[in-house]
Amino acid sequence: FAGLWEIDDPPFDWEITGRLLTWMAWQSALYLILTLIVEYLSTIPSVNALLGIVSNLPKKPMELDGDVKTEQDKLKQFCDDENGTNFDLTQCSDPIVIAGLRKVYNTASMVET
């Protein structure tokens, strides 16, 4: 690139790096907006169904891991009834109790063919 600019030109001159830095700034803004649009559209179930992506698989009973079963039994000790509806948080010493989650491992059927 010798001879394309003068020796006294600053490194951020338009002809040296200014044009490329401006182009990268426009691209970064454009791709950020594009990413946000794609992420937003991926949260809409009708758009996912239009693309053939199944994100909510039906509930199927599965066998629990041993450590999960042990943790559930430990937490059931703090419940007033068998259904686990009246959980006594004052008696439980665990800092975090997560309830109502399920595992979805069947990724082969995520995309319908």
Protein backbone atom coordinates (compact mmCIF):
# COMPACT_ATOMS: atom_id res chain seq x y z
CA PHE A 1 0.00 0.00 0.00
CA ALA A 2 2.98 2.28 -0.19
CA GLY A 3 2.25 5.53 -1.99
CA LEU A 4 -1.49 5.59 -1.25
CA TRP A 5 -1.16 8.12 1.58
CA GLU A 6 1.28 10.69 2.84
CA ILE A 7 3.69 10.05 5.69
CA ASP A 8 2.07 12.82 7.77
CA ASP A 9 -1.46 11.38 7.53
CA PRO A 10 -2.91 10.27 10.89
CA PRO A 11 -3.66 6.56 11.33
CA PHE A 12 -7.43 7.19 11.44
CA ASP A 13 -7.46 9.11 8.16
CA TRP A 14 -10.42 8.30 5.90
CA GLU A 15 -8.22 6.66 3.29
CA ILE A 16 -6.18 4.60 5.78
CA THR A 17 -8.61 3.17 8.36
CA GLY A 18 -11.47 5.67 8.61
CA ARG A 19 -13.58 4.15 5.85
CA LEU A 20 -13.14 0.61 7.17
CA LEU A 21 -13.93 1.62 10.76
CA THR A 22 -17.06 3.44 9.61
CA TRP A 23 -18.13 0.39 7.60
CA MET A 24 -17.58 -1.88 10.63
CA ALA A 25 -19.59 0.50 12.86
CA TRP A 26 -22.54 0.40 10.45
CA GLN A 27 -22.29 -3.38 10.17
CA SER A 28 -22.20 -3.86 13.94
CA ALA A 29 -25.35 -1.76 14.38
CA LEU A 30 -27.10 -3.55 11.52
CA TYR A 31 -26.22 -7.04 12.79
CA LEU A 32 -27.23 -6.13 16.35
CA ILE A 33 -30.66 -5.04 15.12
CA LEU A 34 -30.93 -8.14 12.93
CA THR A 35 -30.01 -10.38 15.88
CA LEU A 36 -32.56 -8.72 18.13
CA ILE A 37 -35.29 -9.17 15.49
CA VAL A 38 -34.44 -12.86 15.01
CA GLU A 39 -34.35 -13.46 18.78
CA TYR A 40 -37.69 -11.71 19.24
CA LEU A 41 -39.34 -13.64 16.42
CA SER A 42 -38.04 -16.93 17.84
CA THR A 43 -40.11 -16.33 20.99
CA ILE A 44 -43.39 -16.23 19.05
CA PRO A 45 -44.90 -19.75 18.81
CA SER A 46 -46.73 -19.06 15.55
CA VAL A 47 -43.48 -18.05 13.85
CA ASN A 48 -41.80 -21.20 15.17
CA ALA A 49 -44.69 -23.31 13.88
CA LEU A 50 -44.41 -21.61 10.50
CA LEU A 51 -40.72 -22.58 10.38
CA GLY A 52 -41.49 -26.13 11.57
CA ILE A 53 -39.75 -25.81 14.94
CA VAL A 54 -41.46 -27.66 17.78
CA SER A 55 -40.47 -25.98 21.03
CA ASN A 56 -43.03 -27.45 23.41
CA LEU A 57 -42.96 -31.22 23.48
CA PRO A 58 -45.79 -33.09 25.21
CA LYS A 59 -45.26 -34.13 28.80
CA LYS A 60 -44.20 -37.75 29.13
CA PRO A 61 -43.53 -39.43 32.45
CA MET A 62 -39.87 -40.27 32.85
CA GLU A 63 -37.85 -41.93 35.55
CA LEU A 64 -36.05 -39.49 37.79
CA ASP A 65 -32.36 -39.57 38.54
CA GLY A 66 -31.42 -40.89 41.94
CA ASP A 67 -30.17 -37.56 43.24
CA VAL A 68 -33.30 -35.77 42.02
CA LYS A 69 -35.52 -38.33 43.75
CA THR A 70 -33.51 -37.95 46.97
CA GLU A 71 -33.86 -34.16 46.82
CA GLN A 72 -37.61 -34.41 46.18
CA ASP A 73 -38.05 -36.74 49.15
CA LYS A 74 -36.06 -34.35 51.34
CA LEU A 75 -38.22 -31.39 50.31
CA LYS A 76 -41.46 -33.35 50.79
CA GLN A 77 -40.63 -33.55 54.49
CA PHE A 78 -41.39 -29.82 54.71
CA CYS A 79 -44.87 -30.17 53.20
CA ASP A 80 -48.06 -30.36 55.21
CA ASP A 81 -49.87 -32.73 52.84
CA GLU A 82 -49.03 -35.42 50.29
CA ASN A 83 -49.61 -33.16 47.28
CA GLY A 84 -46.88 -30.76 48.38
CA THR A 85 -49.11 -27.71 48.19
CA ASN A 86 -48.43 -26.31 51.67
CA PHE A 87 -44.66 -25.97 51.68
CA ASP A 88 -43.24 -24.52 54.90
CA LEU A 89 -40.33 -22.25 53.92
CA THR A 90 -39.48 -21.47 57.55
CA GLN A 91 -38.52 -25.09 58.21
CA CYS A 92 -36.46 -25.57 55.02
CA SER A 93 -32.78 -24.57 55.23
CA ASP A 94 -32.09 -24.74 51.48
CA PRO A 95 -31.35 -21.28 50.05
CA ILE A 96 -33.11 -21.99 46.73
CA VAL A 97 -36.09 -24.22 46.02
CA ILE A 98 -37.04 -24.68 42.35
CA ALA A 99 -40.43 -26.21 41.56
CA GLY A 100 -42.44 -26.93 38.43
CA LEU A 101 -39.59 -27.53 35.98
CA ARG A 102 -39.36 -30.35 33.49
CA LYS A 103 -36.62 -31.73 31.29
CA VAL A 104 -36.88 -31.75 27.50
CA TYR A 105 -34.16 -33.89 25.94
CA ASN A 106 -35.82 -35.04 22.72
CA THR A 107 -33.94 -32.74 20.33
CA ALA A 108 -34.28 -35.11 17.36
CA SER A 109 -37.94 -34.19 16.96
CA MET A 110 -37.43 -30.46 17.42
CA VAL A 111 -37.63 -29.93 13.67
CA GLU A 112 -40.46 -31.59 11.84
CA THR A 113 -39.68 -33.11 8.48
